[in-house]
Structures are given as structure tokens and as C-alpha cells.
Amino acid sequence: MNIRHCALAAAAALVLLAGVAQAHIRINPTESAVSGREMYRMRVPNEKQVNSSRIEGEFPAGMKIYAFEPKAGWTVTLKKNDKGDITGATWTGVLKPYEFLEFGMLAVNPAAAGAATWKFVQYWDDGSSEEFVGAPGSRLPAPVVTIK
């Protein structure tokens, strides 16, 4: 293999790896206003060759989630604190290989500017799971929304 072929192969590998790195669970928009009302969309791809059947989420401190978009075939179970505030949710259904879904949530943003970190764990039918709780730039980063 000559240098040109090696360079092309390396470039192709980087493109593929960048695509995989971008495929993790994401939250949009990535910026929003202090105390603003927002519709957030959680994008969940299935990055494995087996069905994914559950996503557990923990919402940012100070974020008041109050409504969830219904999704055919999926059930949302809410996690609440002792005050009755929604602090997380579990989505159960079937997400096949090569598919993705978006789940909408309505929220009131925190009253202070800063980073709002969402934490997720995705589960597959083979018993495996991945925790999207890491720092930005890590292998499994937690989605972060900048509140300003």
C-alpha cells in the first residue's frame, strides 16, 4: 500500500469514527435562556446490532420538565423527588439496529446561567448498557445545554 492509499484509508477511518462519536444520545437545542420555556429533543440512535429497549434519564438540577411527547410503542415512567418534581424518566420500547428516535420534552430552564448536564443510560436486549455521563470529549459524554 502506498502513502496515498494509507492517507485515504486513515481519512476514511476518521470520518467513520467521527460519525460514531456524533451518534451518541444528544439533547437539542444546546443553548437556551435562563428561566426560559423550552422544548428539548433527546435523539437516541441504536449503535449496536441488537435492539435497544430502555433509556434511563436523569435531568439537570433546576430544570423543571413538565410534559413528554408521546411516541407510539414507547412508555415513559417518571422519576420524582419527595416534592413531586420530575427528576428523571425511563423510556421503554423497541429501537432496532440502524434506527434512531427523538423524544420531546417541555421544560422550564434553571434560574441561573451555567451548564445543564443531562445523564442517560441506554440498555440493549443482549444485556449490555452504556452510560452517557462523561465529560465533554470523553468516549460517552453526557449531553450539556448551556443556559445563558
Protein backbone atom coordinates (compact mmCIF):
# COMPACT_ATOMS: atom_id res chain seq x y z
CA MET A 1 0.00 0.00 0.00
CA ASN A 2 1.49 3.36 -0.96
CA ILE A 3 1.41 6.56 1.10
CA ARG A 4 -1.60 7.92 -0.80
CA HIS A 5 -3.66 4.78 -0.09
CA CYS A 6 -2.64 4.90 3.59
CA ALA A 7 -3.69 8.54 3.82
CA LEU A 8 -7.05 7.80 2.16
CA ALA A 9 -7.65 4.85 4.48
CA ALA A 10 -6.79 6.98 7.53
CA ALA A 11 -9.12 9.76 6.36
CA ALA A 12 -11.95 7.29 5.81
CA ALA A 13 -11.42 5.83 9.29
CA LEU A 14 -11.55 9.30 10.84
CA VAL A 15 -14.82 10.08 9.04
CA LEU A 16 -16.34 6.82 10.27
CA LEU A 17 -15.14 7.39 13.84
CA ALA A 18 -16.43 10.96 13.81
CA GLY A 19 -19.83 9.67 12.70
CA VAL A 20 -19.93 7.17 15.56
CA ALA A 21 -18.79 9.81 18.07
CA GLN A 22 -21.59 12.09 16.93
CA ALA A 23 -24.19 9.32 17.16
CA HIS A 24 -24.44 9.15 20.97
CA ILE A 25 -27.52 10.40 22.83
CA ARG A 26 -27.91 14.14 22.22
CA ILE A 27 -30.13 16.94 23.51
CA ASN A 28 -31.20 19.85 21.31
CA PRO A 29 -31.11 22.78 21.48
CA THR A 30 -27.66 23.02 23.07
CA GLU A 31 -28.22 26.62 24.25
CA SER A 32 -31.23 28.21 25.91
CA ALA A 33 -32.24 31.19 28.07
CA VAL A 34 -32.22 31.44 31.86
CA SER A 35 -35.73 30.62 33.20
CA GLY A 36 -36.97 30.20 29.62
CA ARG A 37 -39.53 27.69 28.47
CA GLU A 38 -38.03 25.22 26.01
CA MET A 39 -38.91 22.14 24.00
CA TYR A 40 -35.95 19.78 24.25
CA ARG A 41 -35.45 16.83 21.90
CA MET A 42 -33.50 13.80 23.02
CA ARG A 43 -32.07 11.96 19.99
CA VAL A 44 -31.31 8.29 20.64
CA PRO A 45 -29.58 6.21 17.96
CA ASN A 46 -29.12 2.46 18.18
CA GLU A 47 -25.37 2.00 17.75
CA LYS A 48 -25.40 -1.81 18.13
CA GLN A 49 -26.58 -4.79 16.10
CA VAL A 50 -29.25 -5.73 18.64
CA ASN A 51 -32.47 -3.99 19.72
CA SER A 52 -32.30 -1.27 22.37
CA SER A 53 -35.27 -1.39 24.70
CA ARG A 54 -34.73 1.09 27.53
CA ILE A 55 -33.26 4.55 28.11
CA GLU A 56 -32.98 5.94 31.63
CA GLY A 57 -32.51 9.67 32.03
CA GLU A 58 -31.60 12.00 34.88
CA PHE A 59 -32.48 15.63 34.27
CA PRO A 60 -30.28 18.64 35.14
CA ALA A 61 -30.63 20.23 38.58
CA GLY A 62 -33.02 23.16 38.44
CA MET A 63 -34.58 22.01 35.14
CA LYS A 64 -38.34 21.61 35.51
CA ILE A 65 -39.55 19.05 32.97
CA TYR A 66 -43.33 19.07 32.86
CA ALA A 67 -44.54 17.28 29.70
CA PHE A 68 -43.42 14.47 27.39
CA GLU A 69 -44.17 13.93 23.72
CA PRO A 70 -45.98 10.61 23.20
CA LYS A 71 -44.19 8.11 20.97
CA ALA A 72 -46.07 5.12 19.53
CA GLY A 73 -44.82 1.86 21.05
CA TRP A 74 -42.94 3.62 23.87
CA THR A 75 -43.85 4.12 27.52
CA VAL A 76 -42.43 6.84 29.77
CA THR A 77 -42.15 6.19 33.52
CA LEU A 78 -41.38 9.27 35.59
CA LYS A 79 -38.94 9.54 38.48
CA LYS A 80 -39.95 12.15 41.07
CA ASN A 81 -38.36 13.54 44.21
CA ASP A 82 -40.15 13.87 47.58
CA LYS A 83 -41.60 17.25 46.48
CA GLY A 84 -43.21 15.67 43.40
CA ASP A 85 -40.79 17.30 40.92
CA ILE A 86 -39.83 15.20 37.90
CA THR A 87 -36.11 14.44 38.18
CA GLY A 88 -35.78 11.75 35.53
CA ALA A 89 -37.60 9.30 33.31
CA THR A 90 -37.31 5.83 31.81
CA TRP A 91 -38.41 5.22 28.21
CA THR A 92 -39.21 1.60 27.25
CA GLY A 93 -39.98 0.28 23.79
CA VAL A 94 -38.07 -1.14 20.81
CA LEU A 95 -35.33 0.66 18.89
CA LYS A 96 -33.96 -1.60 16.14
CA PRO A 97 -30.40 -1.54 14.76
CA TYR A 98 -29.74 1.33 12.31
CA GLU A 99 -32.70 3.31 13.69
CA PHE A 100 -32.97 6.38 15.88
CA LEU A 101 -35.80 8.11 17.70
CA GLU A 102 -36.36 11.59 19.07
CA PHE A 103 -38.27 12.14 22.28
CA GLY A 104 -39.61 15.62 23.03
CA MET A 105 -39.85 17.17 26.50
CA LEU A 106 -41.18 20.55 27.63
CA ALA A 107 -39.23 22.30 30.37
CA VAL A 108 -38.63 25.49 32.30
CA ASN A 109 -34.89 26.18 32.41
CA PRO A 110 -32.92 26.76 35.61
CA ALA A 111 -32.98 30.30 37.03
CA ALA A 112 -29.17 30.60 36.89
CA ALA A 113 -26.79 30.58 33.94
CA GLY A 114 -24.43 27.64 33.55
CA ALA A 115 -24.10 24.14 32.19
CA ALA A 116 -27.18 21.93 32.44
CA THR A 117 -25.98 18.32 32.27
CA TRP A 118 -28.33 15.50 31.26
CA LYS A 119 -27.33 11.93 32.13
CA PHE A 120 -28.54 8.85 30.26
CA VAL A 121 -28.07 5.09 30.32
CA GLN A 122 -29.06 3.11 27.23
CA TYR A 123 -29.82 -0.64 27.51
CA TRP A 124 -29.78 -3.35 24.84
CA ASP A 125 -31.55 -6.70 24.67
CA ASP A 126 -28.21 -8.56 24.89
CA GLY A 127 -27.82 -7.29 28.47
CA SER A 128 -25.28 -4.57 27.66
CA SER A 129 -25.61 -0.89 28.51
CA GLU A 130 -23.74 2.37 28.05
CA GLU A 131 -23.74 5.29 30.48
CA PHE A 132 -23.69 8.70 28.80
CA VAL A 133 -22.48 10.53 31.90
CA GLY A 134 -18.92 11.50 30.98
CA ALA A 135 -17.29 14.88 30.50
CA PRO A 136 -17.43 16.62 27.09
CA GLY A 137 -14.90 15.00 24.77
CA SER A 138 -14.97 11.66 26.61
CA ARG A 139 -15.97 8.39 24.93
CA LEU A 140 -19.51 8.54 26.39
CA PRO A 141 -20.23 12.23 27.09
CA ALA A 142 -23.32 13.43 28.90
CA PRO A 143 -25.30 15.93 26.80
CA VAL A 144 -24.88 19.51 28.06
CA VAL A 145 -27.11 22.53 27.43
CA THR A 146 -25.63 25.97 28.05
CA ILE A 147 -28.11 28.13 29.95
CA LYS A 148 -27.36 31.83 29.42
